[in-house]
Protein backbone atom coordinates (compact mmCIF):
# COMPACT_ATOMS: atom_id res chain seq x y z
CA UNK A 1 110.63 -123.13 -126.17
CA UNK A 2 113.00 -125.99 -125.40
CA UNK A 3 110.70 -127.20 -122.64
CA UNK A 4 107.72 -127.16 -125.02
CA UNK A 5 109.65 -129.07 -127.70
CA UNK A 6 110.68 -131.67 -125.14
CA UNK A 7 107.05 -132.17 -124.16
CA UNK A 8 106.01 -132.47 -127.81
CA UNK A 9 108.62 -135.17 -128.38
CA UNK A 10 107.25 -137.08 -125.40
CA UNK A 11 103.94 -137.37 -127.28
CA UNK A 12 105.39 -140.20 -129.41
CA UNK A 13 106.15 -142.67 -126.58
CA UNK A 14 102.93 -141.61 -124.86
CA UNK A 15 100.92 -142.48 -127.97
CA UNK A 16 102.71 -145.83 -128.18
CA UNK A 17 101.64 -146.69 -124.64
CA UNK A 18 98.10 -145.49 -125.37
CA UNK A 19 97.97 -147.64 -128.50
CA UNK A 20 99.01 -150.73 -126.53
CA UNK A 21 96.39 -150.10 -123.86
CA UNK A 22 93.59 -149.33 -126.32
CA UNK A 23 94.46 -152.31 -128.52
CA UNK A 24 94.43 -154.60 -125.49
CA UNK A 25 90.95 -153.32 -124.58
CA UNK A 26 89.53 -153.53 -128.09
CA UNK A 27 90.80 -156.93 -129.17
CA UNK A 28 89.54 -160.18 -127.62
CA UNK A 29 91.89 -162.80 -126.35
CA UNK A 30 93.04 -164.86 -129.35
CA UNK A 31 91.37 -168.24 -129.49
CA UNK A 32 91.34 -170.86 -132.23
CA UNK A 33 88.18 -171.50 -134.20
CA UNK A 34 86.79 -174.63 -135.74
CA UNK A 35 86.59 -178.20 -134.55
CA UNK A 36 88.21 -179.58 -131.44
CA UNK A 37 90.86 -181.21 -133.61
CA UNK A 38 91.64 -177.86 -135.22
CA UNK A 39 91.89 -176.19 -131.83
CA UNK A 40 94.48 -178.72 -130.70
CA UNK A 41 96.87 -177.86 -133.50
CA UNK A 42 98.17 -174.42 -134.55
CA UNK A 43 98.29 -175.32 -138.25
CA UNK A 44 94.57 -175.82 -138.79
CA UNK A 45 91.67 -173.42 -138.87
CA UNK A 46 91.44 -169.64 -138.80
CA UNK A 47 93.61 -168.67 -135.85
CA UNK A 48 94.35 -165.23 -134.51
CA UNK A 49 97.98 -164.72 -133.52
CA UNK A 50 98.88 -163.42 -130.04
CA UNK A 51 98.19 -159.77 -129.35
CA UNK A 52 101.68 -158.38 -128.81
CA UNK A 53 104.40 -161.07 -128.72
CA UNK A 54 104.46 -164.29 -130.72
CA UNK A 55 107.00 -166.57 -129.04
CA UNK A 56 106.47 -169.29 -131.65
CA UNK A 57 106.01 -167.63 -135.04
CA UNK A 58 105.11 -170.14 -137.72
CA UNK A 59 106.00 -170.10 -141.40
CA UNK A 60 105.35 -172.17 -144.49
CA UNK A 61 108.24 -174.56 -143.82
CA UNK A 62 106.97 -175.48 -140.34
CA UNK A 63 103.39 -175.76 -141.55
CA UNK A 64 104.21 -177.83 -144.61
CA UNK A 65 106.40 -180.36 -142.79
CA UNK A 66 103.89 -180.77 -139.97
CA UNK A 67 101.05 -181.29 -142.44
CA UNK A 68 103.13 -183.80 -144.38
CA UNK A 69 103.75 -185.85 -141.22
CA UNK A 70 100.04 -185.86 -140.38
CA UNK A 71 99.10 -187.04 -143.86
CA UNK A 72 101.83 -189.67 -143.92
CA UNK A 73 100.84 -191.11 -140.54
CA UNK A 74 97.12 -191.21 -141.47
CA UNK A 75 96.09 -189.71 -138.14
CA UNK A 76 92.53 -188.39 -137.51
CA UNK A 77 93.49 -184.96 -138.87
CA UNK A 78 94.56 -186.26 -142.28
CA UNK A 79 91.64 -184.80 -144.22
CA UNK A 80 92.10 -181.37 -142.66
CA UNK A 81 95.81 -181.58 -143.34
CA UNK A 82 95.15 -182.39 -147.00
CA UNK A 83 92.98 -179.28 -147.41
CA UNK A 84 95.51 -177.09 -145.63
CA UNK A 85 98.37 -178.40 -147.75
CA UNK A 86 96.38 -177.59 -150.89
CA UNK A 87 95.80 -174.07 -149.57
CA UNK A 88 99.52 -173.54 -148.95
CA UNK A 89 100.08 -174.66 -152.53
CA UNK A 90 103.32 -174.10 -154.42
CA UNK A 91 104.92 -172.36 -151.45
CA UNK A 92 104.95 -175.71 -149.64
CA UNK A 93 106.53 -177.73 -152.47
CA UNK A 94 110.19 -176.71 -151.78
CA UNK A 95 109.79 -178.15 -148.29
CA UNK A 96 107.55 -181.17 -148.93
CA UNK A 97 108.99 -182.67 -152.13
CA UNK A 98 112.65 -182.91 -150.95
CA UNK A 99 111.39 -184.67 -147.79
CA UNK A 100 109.38 -187.37 -149.58
CA UNK A 101 112.32 -189.77 -149.56
CA UNK A 102 112.43 -189.62 -145.74
CA UNK A 103 108.95 -191.22 -145.52
CA UNK A 104 108.07 -194.89 -145.67
CA UNK A 105 106.47 -196.05 -148.96
CA UNK A 106 102.89 -195.86 -147.66
CA UNK A 107 103.36 -192.40 -146.18
CA UNK A 108 105.08 -191.23 -149.36
CA UNK A 109 102.13 -192.43 -151.44
CA UNK A 110 99.58 -190.71 -149.17
CA UNK A 111 101.42 -187.39 -149.41
CA UNK A 112 101.80 -187.67 -153.19
CA UNK A 113 98.06 -188.34 -153.56
CA UNK A 114 97.29 -185.40 -151.26
CA UNK A 115 99.10 -183.14 -153.76
CA UNK A 116 96.71 -184.10 -156.59
CA UNK A 117 94.36 -181.08 -156.16
CA UNK A 118 97.38 -178.80 -156.14
CA UNK A 119 98.72 -180.40 -159.33
CA UNK A 120 95.38 -179.79 -161.05
CA UNK A 121 95.39 -176.16 -159.93
CA UNK A 122 98.92 -175.71 -161.25
CA UNK A 123 97.95 -177.45 -164.53
CA UNK A 124 100.52 -180.20 -163.99
CA UNK A 125 100.30 -183.83 -165.10
CA UNK A 126 97.26 -185.89 -166.00
CA UNK A 127 94.63 -187.39 -163.71
CA UNK A 128 96.22 -190.81 -164.19
CA UNK A 129 99.61 -189.51 -163.09
CA UNK A 130 98.30 -187.59 -160.06
CA UNK A 131 95.73 -190.03 -158.66
CA UNK A 132 97.51 -193.38 -158.77
CA UNK A 133 99.81 -193.98 -155.74
CA UNK A 134 102.81 -195.28 -157.69
CA UNK A 135 102.40 -192.81 -160.56
CA UNK A 136 101.90 -189.85 -158.18
CA UNK A 137 105.12 -190.60 -156.27
CA UNK A 138 107.04 -190.95 -159.52
CA UNK A 139 105.47 -187.78 -160.99
CA UNK A 140 106.31 -185.53 -158.04
CA UNK A 141 109.82 -186.97 -157.71
CA UNK A 142 110.56 -186.26 -161.37
CA UNK A 143 108.86 -182.86 -161.15
CA UNK A 144 111.20 -181.76 -158.40
CA UNK A 145 114.24 -183.14 -160.17
CA UNK A 146 113.36 -181.18 -163.32
CA UNK A 147 111.78 -178.02 -161.90
CA UNK A 148 113.42 -177.42 -158.51
CA UNK A 149 115.56 -174.63 -159.96
CA UNK A 150 112.42 -172.65 -160.83
CA UNK A 151 111.50 -172.40 -157.15
CA UNK A 152 114.19 -169.82 -156.43
CA UNK A 153 113.57 -166.15 -155.52
CA UNK A 154 115.60 -164.83 -158.46
CA UNK A 155 113.70 -166.98 -160.95
CA UNK A 156 110.31 -166.04 -159.53
CA UNK A 157 111.23 -162.37 -159.62
CA UNK A 158 112.10 -162.61 -163.30
CA UNK A 159 108.91 -164.56 -164.15
CA UNK A 160 106.65 -162.02 -162.36
CA UNK A 161 108.52 -159.07 -163.90
CA UNK A 162 107.87 -160.48 -167.38
CA UNK A 163 104.16 -160.85 -166.61
CA UNK A 164 103.95 -157.31 -165.24
CA UNK A 165 105.34 -155.99 -168.54
CA UNK A 166 103.00 -157.94 -170.81
CA UNK A 167 100.41 -160.63 -170.31
CA UNK A 168 100.68 -163.60 -172.64
CA UNK A 169 99.40 -167.15 -172.31
CA UNK A 170 102.91 -168.46 -171.78
CA UNK A 171 103.79 -165.93 -169.08
CA UNK A 172 100.51 -166.50 -167.26
CA UNK A 173 101.17 -170.24 -167.36
CA UNK A 174 104.67 -169.75 -165.93
CA UNK A 175 103.21 -167.91 -162.93
CA UNK A 176 100.40 -170.44 -162.58
CA UNK A 177 102.89 -173.30 -162.30
CA UNK A 178 104.65 -171.52 -159.43
CA UNK A 179 101.33 -171.09 -157.63
CA UNK A 180 101.52 -169.54 -154.16
CA UNK A 181 105.32 -169.49 -154.29
CA UNK A 182 104.95 -166.43 -156.57
CA UNK A 183 102.66 -164.51 -154.19
CA UNK A 184 105.37 -162.41 -152.46
CA UNK A 185 106.59 -161.07 -155.83
CA UNK A 186 103.06 -160.63 -157.16
CA UNK A 187 101.99 -158.59 -154.13
CA UNK A 188 105.22 -156.60 -154.07
CA UNK A 189 104.88 -155.76 -157.77
CA UNK A 190 101.43 -154.19 -157.37
CA UNK A 191 102.74 -150.95 -155.85
CA UNK A 192 102.91 -148.09 -156.57
CA UNK A 193 99.83 -147.11 -158.59
CA UNK A 194 100.26 -143.61 -160.02
CA UNK A 195 99.63 -143.75 -163.78
CA UNK A 196 97.39 -145.58 -166.29
CA UNK A 197 100.37 -147.83 -167.09
CA UNK A 198 100.50 -148.82 -163.43
CA UNK A 199 96.82 -149.72 -163.64
CA UNK A 200 97.55 -152.14 -166.48
CA UNK A 201 100.41 -153.70 -164.51
CA UNK A 202 98.20 -154.14 -161.44
CA UNK A 203 95.45 -155.66 -163.59
CA UNK A 204 97.82 -158.38 -164.82
CA UNK A 205 99.32 -159.14 -161.42
CA UNK A 206 95.99 -159.03 -159.53
CA UNK A 207 94.43 -161.42 -162.04
CA UNK A 208 97.28 -163.89 -161.51
CA UNK A 209 97.03 -163.64 -157.72
CA UNK A 210 93.24 -163.98 -157.79
CA UNK A 211 93.52 -167.13 -159.88
CA UNK A 212 96.01 -168.67 -157.44
CA UNK A 213 94.22 -168.00 -154.13
CA UNK A 214 90.68 -167.79 -155.54
CA UNK A 215 89.90 -164.26 -154.44
CA UNK A 216 87.62 -161.88 -156.41
CA UNK A 217 89.90 -158.84 -156.25
CA UNK A 218 90.61 -158.04 -159.88
CA UNK A 219 91.05 -154.72 -161.67
CA UNK A 220 88.35 -154.07 -164.30
CA UNK A 221 89.43 -153.30 -167.83
CA UNK A 222 88.54 -149.58 -167.74
CA UNK A 223 89.45 -149.02 -164.08
CA UNK A 224 90.79 -145.68 -162.90
CA UNK A 225 93.92 -145.16 -160.84
CA UNK A 226 91.78 -144.82 -157.70
CA UNK A 227 89.94 -148.07 -158.37
CA UNK A 228 93.22 -149.89 -158.96
CA UNK A 229 94.57 -148.52 -155.68
CA UNK A 230 91.48 -149.85 -153.93
CA UNK A 231 92.15 -153.35 -155.27
CA UNK A 232 95.80 -153.11 -154.22
CA UNK A 233 94.74 -152.11 -150.70
CA UNK A 234 92.52 -155.20 -150.48
CA UNK A 235 95.44 -157.41 -151.51
CA UNK A 236 97.79 -155.71 -149.06
CA UNK A 237 95.33 -156.18 -146.20
CA UNK A 238 94.94 -159.86 -147.11
CA UNK A 239 98.72 -160.31 -147.37
CA UNK A 240 99.34 -158.79 -143.94
CA UNK A 241 97.07 -161.44 -142.44
CA UNK A 242 98.26 -164.43 -144.45
CA UNK A 243 101.88 -163.69 -145.31
CA UNK A 244 103.28 -166.10 -142.72
CA UNK A 245 101.38 -168.94 -144.45
CA UNK A 246 103.45 -168.59 -147.62
CA UNK A 247 106.95 -167.42 -146.62
CA UNK A 248 109.76 -168.65 -144.38
CA UNK A 249 111.29 -166.72 -141.50
CA UNK A 250 115.04 -167.14 -141.20
CA UNK A 251 117.65 -165.35 -139.10
CA UNK A 252 116.77 -161.79 -138.12
CA UNK A 253 113.43 -162.03 -139.91
CA UNK A 254 112.37 -164.80 -137.53
CA UNK A 255 113.14 -162.57 -134.55
CA UNK A 256 111.26 -159.70 -136.17
CA UNK A 257 108.28 -161.95 -136.83
CA UNK A 258 107.88 -162.43 -133.09
CA UNK A 259 106.54 -158.87 -133.09
CA UNK A 260 105.27 -158.43 -136.65
CA UNK A 261 103.29 -161.70 -136.73
CA UNK A 262 100.94 -160.53 -133.97
CA UNK A 263 97.60 -158.78 -133.97
CA UNK A 264 99.23 -155.50 -132.94
CA UNK A 265 102.02 -155.90 -135.48
CA UNK A 266 99.53 -156.50 -138.29
CA UNK A 267 97.50 -153.44 -137.28
CA UNK A 268 100.63 -151.27 -137.16
CA UNK A 269 101.81 -152.51 -140.56
CA UNK A 270 98.38 -151.92 -142.08
CA UNK A 271 98.27 -148.42 -140.58
CA UNK A 272 101.69 -147.61 -142.04
CA UNK A 273 100.98 -149.02 -145.50
CA UNK A 274 97.32 -148.13 -145.99
CA UNK A 275 96.86 -144.59 -144.65
CA UNK A 276 96.09 -145.61 -141.05
CA UNK A 277 94.52 -148.90 -142.11
CA UNK A 278 91.41 -150.15 -143.90
CA UNK A 279 88.07 -149.50 -142.23
CA UNK A 280 85.17 -151.94 -142.24
CA UNK A 281 83.62 -149.99 -145.15
CA UNK A 282 86.68 -150.70 -147.33
CA UNK A 283 87.92 -147.10 -147.35
CA UNK A 284 91.23 -146.07 -145.87
CA UNK A 285 90.86 -144.70 -142.36
CA UNK A 286 92.70 -141.46 -143.18
CA UNK A 287 90.47 -140.67 -146.17
CA UNK A 288 87.37 -141.43 -144.13
CA UNK A 289 88.68 -139.34 -141.23
CA UNK A 290 89.43 -136.35 -143.46
CA UNK A 291 85.94 -136.56 -144.95
CA UNK A 292 84.14 -136.70 -141.58
CA UNK A 293 86.40 -134.64 -139.31
CA UNK A 294 85.41 -131.09 -140.44
CA UNK A 295 81.93 -131.38 -138.90
CA UNK A 296 83.26 -132.63 -135.57
CA UNK A 297 86.11 -130.09 -135.53
CA UNK A 298 83.59 -127.31 -136.15
CA UNK A 299 81.61 -128.39 -133.09
CA UNK A 300 84.72 -128.73 -130.91
CA UNK A 301 86.09 -125.31 -131.93
CA UNK A 302 82.66 -123.79 -131.31
CA UNK A 303 82.56 -125.31 -127.83
CA UNK A 304 86.13 -124.26 -126.96
CA UNK A 305 86.00 -120.72 -128.36
CA UNK A 306 82.34 -119.83 -128.02
CA UNK A 307 81.85 -121.70 -124.76
CA UNK A 308 84.86 -120.04 -123.17
CA UNK A 309 83.82 -116.55 -124.31
CA UNK A 310 80.26 -116.96 -123.05
CA UNK A 311 81.33 -118.72 -119.85
CA UNK A 312 84.03 -116.19 -118.98
CA UNK A 313 81.63 -113.31 -119.66
CA UNK A 314 78.98 -114.81 -117.39
CA UNK A 315 81.57 -115.46 -114.69
CA UNK A 316 82.89 -111.88 -114.81
CA UNK A 317 79.36 -110.43 -114.68
CA UNK A 318 78.48 -112.54 -111.66
CA UNK A 319 81.72 -111.70 -109.83
CA UNK A 320 81.54 -107.98 -110.57
CA UNK A 321 77.98 -107.76 -109.25
CA UNK A 322 78.14 -110.32 -106.48
CA UNK A 323 74.97 -110.87 -104.49
CA UNK A 324 73.01 -108.66 -106.87
CA UNK A 325 70.56 -109.24 -109.69
CA UNK A 326 73.25 -109.73 -112.42
CA UNK A 327 75.00 -112.28 -110.20
CA UNK A 328 71.80 -114.17 -109.44
CA UNK A 329 70.76 -114.14 -113.09
CA UNK A 330 74.15 -115.29 -114.44
CA UNK A 331 74.40 -117.97 -111.74
CA UNK A 332 70.93 -119.28 -112.55
CA UNK A 333 71.78 -119.47 -116.25
CA UNK A 334 75.08 -121.25 -115.48
CA UNK A 335 73.43 -123.77 -113.15
CA UNK A 336 70.75 -124.56 -115.74
CA UNK A 337 73.39 -125.02 -118.46
CA UNK A 338 75.43 -127.31 -116.19
CA UNK A 339 72.39 -129.34 -115.20
CA UNK A 340 70.97 -129.83 -118.68
CA UNK A 341 72.69 -132.70 -120.49
CA UNK A 342 73.76 -132.13 -124.06
CA UNK A 343 71.39 -134.88 -125.16
CA UNK A 344 68.43 -132.86 -123.84
CA UNK A 345 69.59 -129.70 -125.61
CA UNK A 346 70.12 -131.65 -128.83
CA UNK A 347 66.69 -133.26 -128.62
CA UNK A 348 65.09 -129.85 -128.09
CA UNK A 349 66.96 -128.39 -131.05
CA UNK A 350 66.26 -131.27 -133.45
CA UNK A 351 62.62 -130.35 -134.31
CA UNK A 352 63.59 -126.77 -135.27
CA UNK A 353 66.66 -127.78 -137.28
CA UNK A 354 65.62 -126.38 -140.66
CA UNK A 355 67.62 -127.29 -143.78
CA UNK A 356 70.89 -125.40 -143.71
CA UNK A 357 70.64 -124.58 -139.99
CA UNK A 358 71.80 -127.91 -138.60
CA UNK A 359 75.44 -126.90 -138.24
CA UNK A 360 74.57 -123.56 -136.63
CA UNK A 361 72.19 -125.17 -134.13
CA UNK A 362 74.74 -127.86 -133.33
CA UNK A 363 77.38 -125.20 -132.65
CA UNK A 364 74.94 -123.32 -130.40
CA UNK A 365 74.22 -126.49 -128.41
CA UNK A 366 77.94 -127.11 -127.94
CA UNK A 367 78.52 -123.50 -126.83
CA UNK A 368 75.75 -123.70 -124.26
CA UNK A 369 76.94 -127.11 -123.08
CA UNK A 370 80.44 -125.89 -122.26
CA UNK A 371 79.67 -122.33 -121.08
CA UNK A 372 78.06 -123.27 -117.78
CA UNK A 373 81.06 -125.06 -116.25
CA UNK A 374 83.49 -122.38 -117.45
CA UNK A 375 81.38 -119.59 -115.96
CA UNK A 376 81.35 -121.25 -112.53
CA UNK A 377 85.14 -121.55 -112.49
CA UNK A 378 85.56 -118.01 -113.78
CA UNK A 379 83.22 -116.48 -111.19
CA UNK A 380 84.90 -118.27 -108.28
CA UNK A 381 88.39 -117.35 -109.45
CA UNK A 382 87.39 -113.72 -110.04
CA UNK A 383 85.89 -113.43 -106.56
CA UNK A 384 89.16 -114.77 -105.09
CA UNK A 385 91.14 -112.26 -107.17
CA UNK A 386 88.90 -109.37 -106.05
CA UNK A 387 89.81 -110.15 -102.44
CA UNK A 388 93.55 -109.71 -103.08
CA UNK A 389 95.48 -106.72 -101.78
CA UNK A 390 95.96 -105.01 -105.15
CA UNK A 391 92.21 -105.02 -105.83
CA UNK A 392 91.41 -103.74 -102.35
CA UNK A 393 93.91 -100.93 -102.89
CA UNK A 394 92.39 -100.10 -106.28
CA UNK A 395 88.92 -100.12 -104.71
CA UNK A 396 90.14 -97.70 -102.05
CA UNK A 397 91.28 -95.34 -104.81
CA UNK A 398 87.79 -95.38 -106.33
CA UNK A 399 87.97 -98.14 -108.97
CA UNK A 400 84.55 -99.54 -109.83
CA UNK A 401 83.60 -103.26 -109.87
CA UNK A 402 83.74 -103.56 -113.66
CA UNK A 403 87.21 -102.06 -113.82
CA UNK A 404 88.36 -104.29 -110.96
CA UNK A 405 86.97 -107.38 -112.70
CA UNK A 406 88.79 -106.41 -115.89
CA UNK A 407 92.07 -105.81 -114.04
CA UNK A 408 91.79 -109.16 -112.24
CA UNK A 409 90.97 -111.06 -115.43
CA UNK A 410 94.57 -112.07 -116.06
CA UNK A 411 94.86 -113.75 -112.67
CA UNK A 412 91.33 -115.11 -112.50
CA UNK A 413 91.26 -116.70 -115.95
CA UNK A 414 93.87 -119.28 -114.87
CA UNK A 415 91.16 -121.50 -113.40
CA UNK A 416 89.17 -121.53 -116.64
CA UNK A 417 92.23 -122.14 -118.78
CA UNK A 418 93.16 -125.16 -116.69
CA UNK A 419 89.99 -126.82 -118.00
CA UNK A 420 91.15 -126.79 -121.62
CA UNK A 421 92.90 -130.14 -121.64
CA UNK A 422 90.63 -131.92 -119.19
CA UNK A 423 87.40 -130.96 -120.96
CA UNK A 424 88.31 -132.23 -124.44
CA UNK A 425 87.20 -135.90 -123.96
CA UNK A 426 83.84 -134.74 -122.64
CA UNK A 427 83.42 -132.33 -125.53
CA UNK A 428 84.16 -135.08 -128.05
CA UNK A 429 81.46 -137.26 -126.52
CA UNK A 430 79.06 -134.32 -126.54
CA UNK A 431 79.86 -133.63 -130.19
CA UNK A 432 79.03 -137.23 -131.11
CA UNK A 433 75.67 -136.93 -129.31
CA UNK A 434 74.86 -133.65 -131.07
CA UNK A 435 75.79 -135.06 -134.47
CA UNK A 436 73.54 -138.07 -133.96
CA UNK A 437 70.61 -135.98 -132.72
CA UNK A 438 70.80 -133.45 -135.56
CA UNK A 439 71.73 -135.90 -138.29
CA UNK A 440 75.18 -134.48 -139.03
CA UNK A 441 77.66 -136.68 -140.87
CA UNK A 442 80.70 -136.31 -138.64
CA UNK A 443 82.99 -138.65 -136.76
CA UNK A 444 80.20 -139.71 -134.40
CA UNK A 445 78.14 -141.76 -136.87
CA UNK A 446 81.25 -143.48 -138.22
CA UNK A 447 82.42 -144.27 -134.70
CA UNK A 448 79.07 -145.79 -133.73
CA UNK A 449 79.20 -148.05 -136.79
CA UNK A 450 82.80 -148.95 -135.94
CA UNK A 451 81.81 -149.93 -132.39
CA UNK A 452 78.97 -152.11 -133.69
CA UNK A 453 81.24 -153.87 -136.22
CA UNK A 454 84.39 -153.91 -134.03
CA UNK A 455 86.30 -151.89 -136.62
CA UNK A 456 89.68 -151.94 -134.87
CA UNK A 457 91.40 -149.81 -137.53
CA UNK A 458 88.99 -146.89 -137.10
CA UNK A 459 88.79 -147.06 -133.31
CA UNK A 460 92.58 -147.20 -132.97
CA UNK A 461 93.06 -144.25 -135.32
CA UNK A 462 90.43 -142.25 -133.43
CA UNK A 463 92.15 -143.01 -130.11
CA UNK A 464 95.52 -141.90 -131.52
CA UNK A 465 93.99 -138.69 -132.91
CA UNK A 466 92.30 -137.85 -129.61
CA UNK A 467 95.47 -138.63 -127.65
CA UNK A 468 97.50 -136.33 -129.90
CA UNK A 469 94.91 -133.54 -129.71
CA UNK A 470 94.66 -133.85 -125.93
CA UNK A 471 98.45 -133.71 -125.51
CA UNK A 472 98.82 -130.67 -127.78
CA UNK A 473 95.90 -128.91 -126.11
CA UNK A 474 97.37 -129.56 -122.67
CA UNK A 475 100.74 -128.16 -123.78
CA UNK A 476 98.99 -125.07 -125.20
CA UNK A 477 97.00 -124.67 -122.00
CA UNK A 478 100.15 -124.81 -119.88
CA UNK A 479 101.84 -122.26 -122.16
CA UNK A 480 98.88 -119.88 -121.80
CA UNK A 481 98.88 -120.35 -118.04
CA UNK A 482 102.59 -119.52 -117.88
CA UNK A 483 102.07 -116.43 -120.03
CA UNK A 484 99.17 -115.12 -117.91
CA UNK A 485 100.28 -116.08 -114.40
CA UNK A 486 103.82 -115.11 -113.30
CA UNK A 487 103.65 -117.66 -110.48
CA UNK A 488 103.20 -120.53 -112.92
CA UNK A 489 106.00 -119.20 -115.09
CA UNK A 490 108.31 -118.92 -112.06
CA UNK A 491 107.47 -122.47 -111.01
CA UNK A 492 108.32 -123.78 -114.48
CA UNK A 493 111.63 -121.92 -114.46
CA UNK A 494 112.53 -123.39 -111.07
CA UNK A 495 111.59 -126.90 -112.18
CA UNK A 496 113.62 -126.50 -115.36
CA UNK A 497 116.64 -125.27 -113.38
CA UNK A 498 116.40 -128.17 -110.97
CA UNK A 499 116.25 -130.62 -113.86
CA UNK A 500 119.36 -129.15 -115.45
């Protein structure tokens, strides 16, 4: 038991290594998108972070100050920098406005004018104040002198808490004038969603966030708890991707961001927060998996149980009547089953798949597909067992071939049992083919759509599920082998003693 528990615990680091390998295969090398100017600078365009380690994690402070310098120096990227600074919004103000005095007068005026679209979005000032160089510099200087205290975490938390309790014009305006600086509290306040009162809270917070970043994810007036949760999941997925644009990383958080602000880190966080992540269809991967898995599990269990029973029976018949008609007949059937691909069996079964018989026909195809290989292993192992001394002695005392085959079953079945773990990946592929051929709504159809759309969340979850199933099946197979073959059990005991 202790040995089995130790092997089960080893599944966790094994799955971690598998996840790294699969993620590396599924995700392309991160490259910047956009113009050549955008590609030259990490603060422009839609960039994918590194896969596993981000040695230079960025945050809103770094972005804002770099954009400010580009605007102030009037370099060729000034227009792009203006748009990016507007996107960063209120989260950039605590870093840009205190640094205005460090710029020369012309640069200070250019930066102040670049903040005009942001001022309009935050409902601050008049067009005359925001779009005249001298007036804009004076406006933003006075704004920061009067309102700097509002850009503090404790103040923002209180403002968002008041909005979450009740939506009034004044409270909405308070959040609006904090702009993207309020996003961390807005997103954090959306969870959990358990009751109708939570739905109302999420409606207020989601509307404020949607107004700030111009996203359509709002909660309708008569939304259910499930619909509100769906909106929250969309916001959480967006926040995982864009959080580093609106927050600073200081101290230990900066070190942590070297791992979290990566493609793998974002996938892992999404998987932990959103029930294994959000699939391309918008559903959570776990909910989608639970809805589709029963069909595929039915086919796999049919292949493992039914295929082993049929295959072992054919193997015993052939071994008991070697070089006779039963042996020739069972061997011919096994060879045909091994030679016929599952796709051919599925295609042949599809025209006769009447309504209500699809699952039964699919199970039959899976049984036939796995029985042939098992029967060959079982026949060979049984013939070897029948040549052992104990069977020759029993034959000398008058035991018949059927009784000898039954007595040798415990020793001969080891070869078939050893296939349990190794055959699972092939059976999963076969199940996907059968589902597609017979029109069954299992994991296969969802996986094909995920491959076409590069749905990383689904493909990663499927890989983790298959890795876990394969590990558990291999442990079960080894336990059965030890129970049925004393030699295997003795070898395990010796290995365990040597390890201790």
